[in-house]
Amino acid sequence: MARTVFTNANLLDGDHAARKGVTVVVDGEHIVEVASSARGSTGSPRTARAGDRVVDLKGKTVMPGMVLCHFHAGYENVGTFGGPIDLQYSPTYLAMIAARNATLCIMHGYTGAVGAGVGHNIDSTLKDAIANGLVEGPRLIAAGRDLVTSGDLVGAAPHWWKVGLDGVGRVCSGA
């Protein structure tokens, strides 16, 4: 399998100050080398081998993927909260929203996500769909259904009480 050699990159690795003029070599899913972009007499990067795919990033930035640590895959329009979030949709439609949201995650640089609750086993099914190449998405730590306390979101959204919560969530109360 040919490696991919990214040249002329700005590198943000999270441990050091930003570095310019860096070459990053990727073999499959693994970064195998990070080096100065010094070129040999042929003009090709010293780290490139015959058959490697060489991509000149022309000063664009390379950085590790980000992890979204609170991901409700089935939620839609969370920024405009004021509605029942995901309860107005069928489980099948929610799964389609989750697939779209997983693709949005990876397209925005999130290579990992931690599920924060979604009904109908959507997270675990989404994780399988990503692993099997059916859906593009981040590495996913799947969650089960939501667990909420009385007086929390449930109090602000009383429609939950009218919906059969099997498969969707559970209300936990110490009373």
C-alpha atoms as a PDB file:
ATOM      1  CA  MET A   1       0.000   0.000   0.000  1.00  0.00           C
ATOM      2  CA  ALA A   2       1.395   3.391  -0.986  1.00  0.00           C
ATOM      3  CA  ARG A   3       2.060   5.896   1.724  1.00  0.00           C
ATOM      4  CA  THR A   4       0.891   9.505   1.594  1.00  0.00           C
ATOM      5  CA  VAL A   5       3.575  12.148   2.116  1.00  0.00           C
ATOM      6  CA  PHE A   6       2.279  15.606   3.031  1.00  0.00           C
ATOM      7  CA  THR A   7       4.955  18.241   2.384  1.00  0.00           C
ATOM      8  CA  ASN A   8       5.300  21.946   3.127  1.00  0.00           C
ATOM      9  CA  ALA A   9       2.883  21.792   6.060  1.00  0.00           C
ATOM     10  CA  ASN A  10       2.455  23.947   9.129  1.00  0.00           C
ATOM     11  CA  LEU A  11       2.236  21.486  12.013  1.00  0.00           C
ATOM     12  CA  LEU A  12       0.256  21.996  15.222  1.00  0.00           C
ATOM     13  CA  ASP A  13       0.881  18.883  17.298  1.00  0.00           C
ATOM     14  CA  GLY A  14      -0.431  20.085  20.650  1.00  0.00           C
ATOM     15  CA  ASP A  15       2.939  19.583  22.364  1.00  0.00           C
ATOM     16  CA  HIS A  16       5.159  22.178  20.687  1.00  0.00           C
ATOM     17  CA  ALA A  17       4.941  25.618  19.134  1.00  0.00           C
ATOM     18  CA  ALA A  18       3.657  25.606  15.548  1.00  0.00           C
ATOM     19  CA  ARG A  19       6.303  24.393  13.096  1.00  0.00           C
ATOM     20  CA  LYS A  20       6.545  25.483   9.462  1.00  0.00           C
ATOM     21  CA  GLY A  21       7.926  23.517   6.541  1.00  0.00           C
ATOM     22  CA  VAL A  22       7.147  20.065   7.907  1.00  0.00           C
ATOM     23  CA  THR A  23       6.641  16.765   6.102  1.00  0.00           C
ATOM     24  CA  VAL A  24       4.169  14.263   7.566  1.00  0.00           C
ATOM     25  CA  VAL A  25       4.204  10.682   6.285  1.00  0.00           C
ATOM     26  CA  VAL A  26       1.032   8.602   6.661  1.00  0.00           C
ATOM     27  CA  ASP A  27       0.973   4.849   6.103  1.00  0.00           C
ATOM     28  CA  GLY A  28      -2.604   3.560   6.164  1.00  0.00           C
ATOM     29  CA  GLU A  29      -4.164   5.062   9.283  1.00  0.00           C
ATOM     30  CA  HIS A  30      -0.871   5.777  11.052  1.00  0.00           C
ATOM     31  CA  ILE A  31       1.496   8.728  11.044  1.00  0.00           C
ATOM     32  CA  VAL A  32       4.897   7.089  10.655  1.00  0.00           C
ATOM     33  CA  GLU A  33       7.198  10.080  10.272  1.00  0.00           C
ATOM     34  CA  VAL A  34       7.315  13.804  10.941  1.00  0.00           C
ATOM     35  CA  ALA A  35      10.365  15.622   9.569  1.00  0.00           C
ATOM     36  CA  SER A  36      11.714  18.828   8.110  1.00  0.00           C
ATOM     37  CA  SER A  37      10.623  19.321   4.498  1.00  0.00           C
ATOM     38  CA  ALA A  38      14.245  19.402   3.302  1.00  0.00           C
ATOM     39  CA  ARG A  39      14.359  18.133  -0.274  1.00  0.00           C
ATOM     40  CA  GLY A  40      16.907  15.926  -1.954  1.00  0.00           C
ATOM     41  CA  SER A  41      18.795  16.728  -5.168  1.00  0.00           C
ATOM     42  CA  THR A  42      15.884  15.456  -7.292  1.00  0.00           C
ATOM     43  CA  GLY A  43      13.509  17.991  -5.725  1.00  0.00           C
ATOM     44  CA  SER A  44      11.381  15.302  -4.094  1.00  0.00           C
ATOM     45  CA  PRO A  45      11.050  15.096  -0.306  1.00  0.00           C
ATOM     46  CA  ARG A  46      13.770  13.010   1.349  1.00  0.00           C
ATOM     47  CA  THR A  47      11.068  10.937   3.061  1.00  0.00           C
ATOM     48  CA  ALA A  48       9.202  10.041  -0.163  1.00  0.00           C
ATOM     49  CA  ARG A  49       9.718   6.625  -1.726  1.00  0.00           C
ATOM     50  CA  ALA A  50       8.876   5.350  -5.174  1.00  0.00           C
ATOM     51  CA  GLY A  51       5.112   4.819  -5.343  1.00  0.00           C
ATOM     52  CA  ASP A  52       4.287   7.239  -2.528  1.00  0.00           C
ATOM     53  CA  ARG A  53       1.565   9.800  -3.106  1.00  0.00           C
ATOM     54  CA  VAL A  54       3.082  13.246  -2.437  1.00  0.00           C
ATOM     55  CA  VAL A  55       0.765  16.138  -1.543  1.00  0.00           C
ATOM     56  CA  ASP A  56       2.212  19.661  -1.308  1.00  0.00           C
ATOM     57  CA  LEU A  57       0.100  21.454   1.291  1.00  0.00           C
ATOM     58  CA  LYS A  58       1.603  24.840   0.350  1.00  0.00           C
ATOM     59  CA  GLY A  59       1.681  26.058   3.943  1.00  0.00           C
ATOM     60  CA  LYS A  60      -1.710  24.728   5.031  1.00  0.00           C
ATOM     61  CA  THR A  61      -1.995  23.497   8.626  1.00  0.00           C
ATOM     62  CA  VAL A  62      -1.939  19.868   9.746  1.00  0.00           C
ATOM     63  CA  MET A  63      -3.095  19.019  13.264  1.00  0.00           C
ATOM     64  CA  PRO A  64      -4.417  16.035  15.196  1.00  0.00           C
ATOM     65  CA  GLY A  65      -8.108  15.322  14.900  1.00  0.00           C
ATOM     66  CA  MET A  66     -10.372  16.760  17.560  1.00  0.00           C
ATOM     67  CA  VAL A  67     -12.702  14.758  19.799  1.00  0.00           C
ATOM     68  CA  LEU A  68     -16.282  15.880  20.377  1.00  0.00           C
ATOM     69  CA  CYS A  69     -16.879  14.875  23.993  1.00  0.00           C
ATOM     70  CA  HIS A  70     -20.668  15.407  24.209  1.00  0.00           C
ATOM     71  CA  PHE A  71     -22.340  14.180  21.021  1.00  0.00           C
ATOM     72  CA  HIS A  72     -26.093  13.615  20.712  1.00  0.00           C
ATOM     73  CA  ALA A  73     -26.057  12.049  17.246  1.00  0.00           C
ATOM     74  CA  GLY A  74     -29.819  12.198  16.759  1.00  0.00           C
ATOM     75  CA  TYR A  75     -30.319  15.839  17.717  1.00  0.00           C
ATOM     76  CA  GLU A  76     -31.158  18.404  15.079  1.00  0.00           C
ATOM     77  CA  ASN A  77     -30.892  22.200  15.279  1.00  0.00           C
ATOM     78  CA  VAL A  78     -29.599  22.161  18.852  1.00  0.00           C
ATOM     79  CA  GLY A  79     -28.483  25.789  18.528  1.00  0.00           C
ATOM     80  CA  THR A  80     -32.114  26.818  18.139  1.00  0.00           C
ATOM     81  CA  PHE A  81     -33.335  24.856  21.177  1.00  0.00           C
ATOM     82  CA  GLY A  82     -36.923  25.401  22.017  1.00  0.00           C
ATOM     83  CA  GLY A  83     -38.503  22.212  20.856  1.00  0.00           C
ATOM     84  CA  PRO A  84     -38.645  18.554  21.639  1.00  0.00           C
ATOM     85  CA  ILE A  85     -35.204  17.986  20.039  1.00  0.00           C
ATOM     86  CA  ASP A  86     -35.589  14.436  18.743  1.00  0.00           C
ATOM     87  CA  LEU A  87     -38.916  13.143  20.002  1.00  0.00           C
ATOM     88  CA  GLN A  88     -41.011  14.396  17.096  1.00  0.00           C
ATOM     89  CA  TYR A  89     -39.247  12.034  14.649  1.00  0.00           C
ATOM     90  CA  SER A  90     -39.463   8.315  14.052  1.00  0.00           C
ATOM     91  CA  PRO A  91     -36.462   6.164  15.046  1.00  0.00           C
ATOM     92  CA  THR A  92     -35.665   5.630  11.356  1.00  0.00           C
ATOM     93  CA  TYR A  93     -35.584   9.373  10.677  1.00  0.00           C
ATOM     94  CA  LEU A  94     -33.441   9.924  13.782  1.00  0.00           C
ATOM     95  CA  ALA A  95     -30.963   7.367  12.447  1.00  0.00           C
ATOM     96  CA  MET A  96     -30.726   9.375   9.222  1.00  0.00           C
ATOM     97  CA  ILE A  97     -30.100  12.566  11.217  1.00  0.00           C
ATOM     98  CA  ALA A  98     -27.418  10.706  13.179  1.00  0.00           C
ATOM     99  CA  ALA A  99     -25.720   9.532   9.962  1.00  0.00           C
ATOM    100  CA  ARG A 100     -25.699  13.093   8.633  1.00  0.00           C
ATOM    101  CA  ASN A 101     -24.332  14.433  11.931  1.00  0.00           C
ATOM    102  CA  ALA A 102     -21.565  11.807  11.951  1.00  0.00           C
ATOM    103  CA  THR A 103     -20.514  12.880   8.463  1.00  0.00           C
ATOM    104  CA  LEU A 104     -20.584  16.538   9.544  1.00  0.00           C
ATOM    105  CA  CYS A 105     -18.308  15.653  12.474  1.00  0.00           C
ATOM    106  CA  ILE A 106     -15.629  14.092  10.304  1.00  0.00           C
ATOM    107  CA  MET A 107     -15.890  16.853   7.683  1.00  0.00           C
ATOM    108  CA  HIS A 108     -15.245  19.464  10.396  1.00  0.00           C
ATOM    109  CA  GLY A 109     -12.142  17.722  11.778  1.00  0.00           C
ATOM    110  CA  TYR A 110     -13.624  15.686  14.612  1.00  0.00           C
ATOM    111  CA  THR A 111     -12.017  12.262  14.299  1.00  0.00           C
ATOM    112  CA  GLY A 112     -13.551  11.017  17.547  1.00  0.00           C
ATOM    113  CA  ALA A 113     -16.870  11.520  19.331  1.00  0.00           C
ATOM    114  CA  VAL A 114     -18.291  10.427  22.666  1.00  0.00           C
ATOM    115  CA  GLY A 115     -22.001   9.704  22.637  1.00  0.00           C
ATOM    116  CA  ALA A 116     -24.069  11.577  25.221  1.00  0.00           C
ATOM    117  CA  GLY A 117     -27.365   9.763  24.880  1.00  0.00           C
ATOM    118  CA  VAL A 118     -29.729   8.965  22.044  1.00  0.00           C
ATOM    119  CA  GLY A 119     -32.690   6.625  21.953  1.00  0.00           C
ATOM    120  CA  HIS A 120     -33.445   3.451  20.054  1.00  0.00           C
ATOM    121  CA  ASN A 121     -29.836   2.105  20.099  1.00  0.00           C
ATOM    122  CA  ILE A 122     -28.945   4.615  17.385  1.00  0.00           C
ATOM    123  CA  ASP A 123     -25.421   5.268  18.715  1.00  0.00           C
ATOM    124  CA  SER A 124     -24.386   1.612  18.677  1.00  0.00           C
ATOM    125  CA  THR A 125     -25.915   1.092  15.231  1.00  0.00           C
ATOM    126  CA  LEU A 126     -24.211   4.262  13.969  1.00  0.00           C
ATOM    127  CA  LYS A 127     -20.883   3.031  15.357  1.00  0.00           C
ATOM    128  CA  ASP A 128     -21.303  -0.220  13.387  1.00  0.00           C
ATOM    129  CA  ALA A 129     -22.293   1.675  10.219  1.00  0.00           C
ATOM    130  CA  ILE A 130     -19.158   3.828  10.485  1.00  0.00           C
ATOM    131  CA  ALA A 131     -16.932   0.799  11.158  1.00  0.00           C
ATOM    132  CA  ASN A 132     -18.391  -1.044   8.151  1.00  0.00           C
ATOM    133  CA  GLY A 133     -17.959   1.920   5.798  1.00  0.00           C
ATOM    134  CA  LEU A 134     -21.688   2.526   5.308  1.00  0.00           C
ATOM    135  CA  VAL A 135     -21.453   6.026   6.805  1.00  0.00           C
ATOM    136  CA  GLU A 136     -18.457   8.356   7.065  1.00  0.00           C
ATOM    137  CA  GLY A 137     -17.925   9.447  10.615  1.00  0.00           C
ATOM    138  CA  PRO A 138     -15.568   9.695  13.566  1.00  0.00           C
ATOM    139  CA  ARG A 139     -14.447   6.930  15.887  1.00  0.00           C
ATOM    140  CA  LEU A 140     -17.468   6.770  18.176  1.00  0.00           C
ATOM    141  CA  ILE A 141     -17.826   5.757  21.797  1.00  0.00           C
ATOM    142  CA  ALA A 142     -21.504   4.879  21.702  1.00  0.00           C
ATOM    143  CA  ALA A 143     -23.992   5.817  24.412  1.00  0.00           C
ATOM    144  CA  GLY A 144     -27.348   4.355  25.283  1.00  0.00           C
ATOM    145  CA  ARG A 145     -30.541   6.231  25.884  1.00  0.00           C
ATOM    146  CA  ASP A 146     -30.642   9.448  27.863  1.00  0.00           C
ATOM    147  CA  LEU A 147     -30.750   9.357  31.649  1.00  0.00           C
ATOM    148  CA  VAL A 148     -32.167  12.566  33.057  1.00  0.00           C
ATOM    149  CA  THR A 149     -33.055  13.757  36.524  1.00  0.00           C
ATOM    150  CA  SER A 150     -36.432  15.077  37.473  1.00  0.00           C
ATOM    151  CA  GLY A 151     -36.261  18.873  37.455  1.00  0.00           C
ATOM    152  CA  ASP A 152     -33.678  18.927  34.650  1.00  0.00           C
ATOM    153  CA  LEU A 153     -34.431  18.949  30.913  1.00  0.00           C
ATOM    154  CA  VAL A 154     -37.592  16.983  31.600  1.00  0.00           C
ATOM    155  CA  GLY A 155     -39.027  19.870  33.610  1.00  0.00           C
ATOM    156  CA  ALA A 156     -38.225  22.293  30.805  1.00  0.00           C
ATOM    157  CA  ALA A 157     -39.692  19.982  28.187  1.00  0.00           C
ATOM    158  CA  PRO A 158     -42.812  18.346  29.687  1.00  0.00           C
ATOM    159  CA  HIS A 159     -43.647  16.661  26.372  1.00  0.00           C
ATOM    160  CA  TRP A 160     -41.297  13.886  27.544  1.00  0.00           C
ATOM    161  CA  TRP A 161     -43.839  12.843  30.149  1.00  0.00           C
ATOM    162  CA  LYS A 162     -46.498  12.254  27.489  1.00  0.00           C
ATOM    163  CA  VAL A 163     -44.293  10.117  25.280  1.00  0.00           C
ATOM    164  CA  GLY A 164     -43.742   6.458  26.012  1.00  0.00           C
ATOM    165  CA  LEU A 165     -40.088   6.580  26.985  1.00  0.00           C
ATOM    166  CA  ASP A 166     -39.255   2.976  26.182  1.00  0.00           C
ATOM    167  CA  GLY A 167     -36.152   3.075  24.051  1.00  0.00           C
ATOM    168  CA  VAL A 168     -35.787   6.847  24.361  1.00  0.00           C
ATOM    169  CA  GLY A 169     -34.765   7.709  27.906  1.00  0.00           C
ATOM    170  CA  ARG A 170     -35.262   7.178  31.592  1.00  0.00           C
ATOM    171  CA  VAL A 171     -36.091   9.672  34.312  1.00  0.00           C
ATOM    172  CA  CYS A 172     -34.100   9.110  37.509  1.00  0.00           C
ATOM    173  CA  SER A 173     -35.369  10.563  40.758  1.00  0.00           C
ATOM    174  CA  GLY A 174     -34.085  10.179  44.298  1.00  0.00           C
ATOM    175  CA  ALA A 175     -37.567  10.829  45.689  1.00  0.00           C
END
